[in-house]
């Protein structure tokens, strides 16, 4: 069985349900090693995991990575970044 981008997206989404943001980021880091390109869908899923776990800074770091690596930044991605900023504001940081 060879995992693909969809498999990784599902695994990252599963991390969201259990609040395992560290595992979501670990999964992202293994994608290039598996010769898979990061895409906006899987990164947004990881951003959501981080934001929902209170790790809004990690979510914004992922957003920066997308911009740096020229990965598509669409309206949904900007909304995910805004949500992360809102969470940061809620925490007074």
N, C-alpha and C. Protein backbone atom coordinates (compact mmCIF):
# COMPACT_ATOMS: atom_id res chain seq x y z
N UNK A 1 0.84 -1.18 0.00
CA UNK A 1 0.00 0.00 0.00
C UNK A 1 0.88 1.24 0.00
N UNK A 2 0.69 2.09 -0.99
CA UNK A 2 1.43 3.35 -1.10
C UNK A 2 0.50 4.50 -0.74
N UNK A 3 0.76 5.18 0.39
CA UNK A 3 -0.10 6.32 0.73
C UNK A 3 0.06 7.45 -0.29
N UNK A 4 -1.04 8.16 -0.53
CA UNK A 4 -1.00 9.32 -1.41
C UNK A 4 -1.45 10.56 -0.63
N UNK A 5 -1.58 11.66 -1.32
CA UNK A 5 -1.95 12.90 -0.66
C UNK A 5 -3.30 12.79 0.03
N UNK A 6 -4.23 12.08 -0.58
CA UNK A 6 -5.56 11.90 0.03
C UNK A 6 -5.43 11.12 1.34
N UNK A 7 -4.59 10.11 1.36
CA UNK A 7 -4.37 9.33 2.57
C UNK A 7 -3.83 10.22 3.69
N UNK A 8 -2.86 11.06 3.34
CA UNK A 8 -2.30 11.97 4.33
C UNK A 8 -3.34 12.96 4.82
N UNK A 9 -4.18 13.46 3.91
CA UNK A 9 -5.22 14.40 4.31
C UNK A 9 -6.17 13.74 5.31
N UNK A 10 -6.54 12.50 5.04
CA UNK A 10 -7.43 11.78 5.97
C UNK A 10 -6.76 11.57 7.32
N UNK A 11 -5.49 11.25 7.31
CA UNK A 11 -4.77 11.02 8.57
C UNK A 11 -4.66 12.32 9.37
N UNK A 12 -4.37 13.43 8.69
CA UNK A 12 -4.29 14.72 9.38
C UNK A 12 -5.67 15.09 9.93
N UNK A 13 -6.71 14.85 9.17
CA UNK A 13 -8.06 15.13 9.63
C UNK A 13 -8.41 14.28 10.85
N UNK A 14 -7.95 13.06 10.88
CA UNK A 14 -8.17 12.20 12.05
C UNK A 14 -7.48 12.79 13.28
N UNK A 15 -6.32 13.37 13.08
CA UNK A 15 -5.62 14.03 14.19
C UNK A 15 -6.45 15.17 14.76
N UNK A 16 -7.20 15.83 13.90
CA UNK A 16 -8.04 16.94 14.33
C UNK A 16 -9.09 16.48 15.32
N UNK A 17 -9.66 15.34 15.06
CA UNK A 17 -10.72 14.82 15.94
C UNK A 17 -10.21 14.49 17.33
N UNK A 18 -8.92 14.18 17.44
CA UNK A 18 -8.36 13.84 18.74
C UNK A 18 -7.42 14.92 19.29
N UNK A 19 -7.30 16.05 18.56
CA UNK A 19 -6.48 17.16 19.03
C UNK A 19 -4.99 16.89 19.01
N UNK A 20 -4.54 16.01 18.16
CA UNK A 20 -3.13 15.63 18.10
C UNK A 20 -2.38 16.47 17.06
N UNK A 21 -2.17 17.73 17.39
CA UNK A 21 -1.54 18.63 16.44
C UNK A 21 -0.09 18.24 16.15
N UNK A 22 0.61 17.69 17.15
CA UNK A 22 2.00 17.28 16.92
C UNK A 22 2.07 16.17 15.87
N UNK A 23 1.13 15.23 15.95
CA UNK A 23 1.11 14.14 14.97
C UNK A 23 0.74 14.65 13.58
N UNK A 24 -0.14 15.64 13.53
CA UNK A 24 -0.50 16.23 12.23
C UNK A 24 0.73 16.86 11.58
N UNK A 25 1.51 17.60 12.37
CA UNK A 25 2.72 18.22 11.82
C UNK A 25 3.76 17.17 11.44
N UNK A 26 3.85 16.10 12.22
CA UNK A 26 4.78 15.02 11.89
C UNK A 26 4.39 14.37 10.56
N UNK A 27 3.10 14.18 10.36
CA UNK A 27 2.64 13.62 9.09
C UNK A 27 3.03 14.52 7.92
N UNK A 28 2.84 15.83 8.08
CA UNK A 28 3.22 16.76 7.01
C UNK A 28 4.70 16.65 6.68
N UNK A 29 5.51 16.51 7.72
CA UNK A 29 6.96 16.47 7.48
C UNK A 29 7.39 15.20 6.75
N UNK A 30 6.58 14.14 6.81
CA UNK A 30 6.95 12.91 6.12
C UNK A 30 6.51 12.89 4.65
N UNK A 31 5.63 13.78 4.27
CA UNK A 31 5.14 13.77 2.89
C UNK A 31 6.25 13.94 1.85
N UNK A 32 7.12 14.95 1.99
CA UNK A 32 8.19 15.08 0.98
C UNK A 32 9.10 13.85 0.93
N UNK A 33 9.33 13.23 2.09
CA UNK A 33 10.16 12.02 2.12
C UNK A 33 9.51 10.88 1.36
N UNK A 34 8.16 10.92 1.27
CA UNK A 34 7.41 9.91 0.52
C UNK A 34 7.19 10.35 -0.92
N UNK A 35 7.93 11.37 -1.34
CA UNK A 35 7.84 11.93 -2.70
C UNK A 35 6.45 12.47 -3.01
N UNK A 36 5.80 13.03 -1.98
CA UNK A 36 4.49 13.64 -2.16
C UNK A 36 4.60 15.14 -1.89
N UNK A 37 3.96 15.93 -2.74
CA UNK A 37 3.98 17.37 -2.56
C UNK A 37 2.90 17.78 -1.57
N UNK A 38 3.25 18.73 -0.74
CA UNK A 38 2.26 19.32 0.15
C UNK A 38 1.29 20.13 -0.70
N UNK A 39 0.01 20.05 -0.39
CA UNK A 39 -0.95 20.88 -1.10
C UNK A 39 -1.79 21.66 -0.10
N UNK A 40 -2.59 22.57 -0.62
CA UNK A 40 -3.35 23.46 0.25
C UNK A 40 -4.36 22.70 1.11
N UNK A 41 -4.89 21.61 0.62
CA UNK A 41 -5.91 20.88 1.37
C UNK A 41 -5.32 20.25 2.63
N UNK A 42 -4.21 19.57 2.49
CA UNK A 42 -3.62 18.90 3.66
C UNK A 42 -3.03 19.92 4.64
N UNK A 43 -2.48 21.01 4.12
CA UNK A 43 -1.93 22.03 5.01
C UNK A 43 -3.06 22.74 5.76
N UNK A 44 -4.16 23.03 5.07
CA UNK A 44 -5.30 23.64 5.76
C UNK A 44 -5.84 22.72 6.85
N UNK A 45 -5.88 21.42 6.58
CA UNK A 45 -6.32 20.47 7.60
C UNK A 45 -5.41 20.56 8.82
N UNK A 46 -4.11 20.64 8.59
CA UNK A 46 -3.16 20.76 9.70
C UNK A 46 -3.31 22.09 10.41
N UNK A 47 -3.58 23.16 9.65
CA UNK A 47 -3.82 24.45 10.27
C UNK A 47 -5.03 24.38 11.20
N UNK A 48 -6.06 23.68 10.77
CA UNK A 48 -7.25 23.52 11.59
C UNK A 48 -6.97 22.76 12.88
N UNK A 49 -6.18 21.69 12.77
CA UNK A 49 -5.80 20.92 13.95
C UNK A 49 -5.07 21.82 14.94
N UNK A 50 -4.10 22.57 14.43
CA UNK A 50 -3.31 23.44 15.31
C UNK A 50 -4.19 24.52 15.95
N UNK A 51 -5.02 25.15 15.15
CA UNK A 51 -5.88 26.22 15.67
C UNK A 51 -6.82 25.68 16.74
N UNK A 52 -7.45 24.56 16.45
CA UNK A 52 -8.40 23.98 17.40
C UNK A 52 -7.73 23.48 18.67
N UNK A 53 -6.44 23.22 18.59
CA UNK A 53 -5.68 22.75 19.76
C UNK A 53 -5.04 23.91 20.52
N UNK A 54 -5.32 25.14 20.10
CA UNK A 54 -4.75 26.30 20.76
C UNK A 54 -3.34 26.64 20.28
N UNK A 55 -2.88 25.96 19.25
CA UNK A 55 -1.53 26.19 18.71
C UNK A 55 -1.63 27.08 17.47
N UNK A 56 -2.22 28.26 17.67
CA UNK A 56 -2.48 29.16 16.56
C UNK A 56 -1.18 29.63 15.89
N UNK A 57 -0.11 29.75 16.66
CA UNK A 57 1.18 30.14 16.08
C UNK A 57 1.68 29.12 15.08
N UNK A 58 1.46 27.85 15.37
CA UNK A 58 1.84 26.79 14.44
C UNK A 58 1.01 26.88 13.16
N UNK A 59 -0.29 27.20 13.33
CA UNK A 59 -1.15 27.34 12.15
C UNK A 59 -0.65 28.46 11.25
N UNK A 60 -0.27 29.58 11.86
CA UNK A 60 0.24 30.70 11.07
C UNK A 60 1.59 30.38 10.44
N UNK A 61 2.40 29.57 11.11
CA UNK A 61 3.67 29.14 10.52
C UNK A 61 3.41 28.30 9.26
N UNK A 62 2.38 27.46 9.32
CA UNK A 62 2.02 26.67 8.13
C UNK A 62 1.56 27.58 7.00
N UNK A 63 0.80 28.61 7.33
CA UNK A 63 0.35 29.58 6.34
C UNK A 63 1.56 30.24 5.68
N UNK A 64 2.53 30.63 6.48
CA UNK A 64 3.75 31.25 5.95
C UNK A 64 4.50 30.29 5.04
N UNK A 65 4.53 29.01 5.43
CA UNK A 65 5.19 28.00 4.60
C UNK A 65 4.52 27.91 3.23
N UNK A 66 3.19 27.96 3.23
CA UNK A 66 2.46 27.90 1.97
C UNK A 66 2.86 29.06 1.06
N UNK A 67 2.90 30.26 1.62
CA UNK A 67 3.26 31.43 0.83
C UNK A 67 4.69 31.32 0.31
N UNK A 68 5.59 30.88 1.19
CA UNK A 68 7.00 30.76 0.81
C UNK A 68 7.21 29.72 -0.28
N UNK A 69 6.44 28.62 -0.19
CA UNK A 69 6.60 27.52 -1.16
C UNK A 69 5.68 27.65 -2.37
N UNK A 70 5.03 28.79 -2.50
CA UNK A 70 4.13 29.06 -3.63
C UNK A 70 3.00 28.04 -3.75
N UNK A 71 2.47 27.61 -2.61
CA UNK A 71 1.31 26.73 -2.59
C UNK A 71 0.08 27.63 -2.60
N UNK A 72 -0.92 27.23 -3.36
CA UNK A 72 -2.10 28.05 -3.57
C UNK A 72 -2.70 28.59 -2.26
N UNK A 73 -2.84 29.90 -2.21
CA UNK A 73 -3.49 30.57 -1.08
C UNK A 73 -4.85 31.06 -1.57
N UNK A 74 -5.89 30.31 -1.25
CA UNK A 74 -7.23 30.69 -1.68
C UNK A 74 -8.02 31.27 -0.51
N UNK A 75 -9.26 31.59 -0.75
CA UNK A 75 -10.11 32.20 0.27
C UNK A 75 -10.22 31.31 1.51
N UNK A 76 -10.33 30.01 1.31
CA UNK A 76 -10.46 29.08 2.44
C UNK A 76 -9.19 29.11 3.29
N UNK A 77 -8.05 29.21 2.64
CA UNK A 77 -6.78 29.25 3.37
C UNK A 77 -6.65 30.55 4.16
N UNK A 78 -7.02 31.67 3.53
CA UNK A 78 -6.99 32.94 4.26
C UNK A 78 -7.95 32.91 5.45
N UNK A 79 -9.11 32.30 5.28
CA UNK A 79 -10.05 32.18 6.40
C UNK A 79 -9.46 31.34 7.53
N UNK A 80 -8.72 30.29 7.18
CA UNK A 80 -8.06 29.47 8.21
C UNK A 80 -7.03 30.29 8.97
N UNK A 81 -6.29 31.14 8.25
CA UNK A 81 -5.30 32.00 8.91
C UNK A 81 -5.99 33.03 9.80
N UNK A 82 -7.10 33.58 9.34
CA UNK A 82 -7.85 34.55 10.15
C UNK A 82 -8.38 33.88 11.41
N UNK A 83 -8.86 32.65 11.28
CA UNK A 83 -9.33 31.90 12.46
C UNK A 83 -8.21 31.69 13.46
N UNK A 84 -7.02 31.39 12.96
CA UNK A 84 -5.87 31.22 13.86
C UNK A 84 -5.55 32.52 14.58
N UNK A 85 -5.62 33.64 13.85
CA UNK A 85 -5.37 34.94 14.49
C UNK A 85 -6.43 35.24 15.56
N UNK A 86 -7.67 34.89 15.25
CA UNK A 86 -8.75 35.11 16.22
C UNK A 86 -8.52 34.28 17.47
N UNK A 87 -8.09 33.05 17.31
CA UNK A 87 -7.80 32.20 18.48
C UNK A 87 -6.67 32.81 19.30
N UNK A 88 -5.66 33.32 18.64
CA UNK A 88 -4.57 33.96 19.34
C UNK A 88 -5.05 35.17 20.13
N UNK A 89 -5.97 35.94 19.54
CA UNK A 89 -6.54 37.08 20.22
C UNK A 89 -7.37 36.69 21.42
N UNK A 90 -8.08 35.56 21.32
CA UNK A 90 -8.88 35.07 22.44
C UNK A 90 -8.00 34.70 23.62
N UNK A 91 -6.79 34.26 23.33
CA UNK A 91 -5.88 33.83 24.38
C UNK A 91 -5.05 35.00 24.91
N UNK A 92 -5.27 36.18 24.32
CA UNK A 92 -4.56 37.36 24.78
C UNK A 92 -3.10 37.39 24.39
N UNK A 93 -2.78 36.72 23.30
CA UNK A 93 -1.38 36.69 22.86
C UNK A 93 -1.19 37.45 21.58
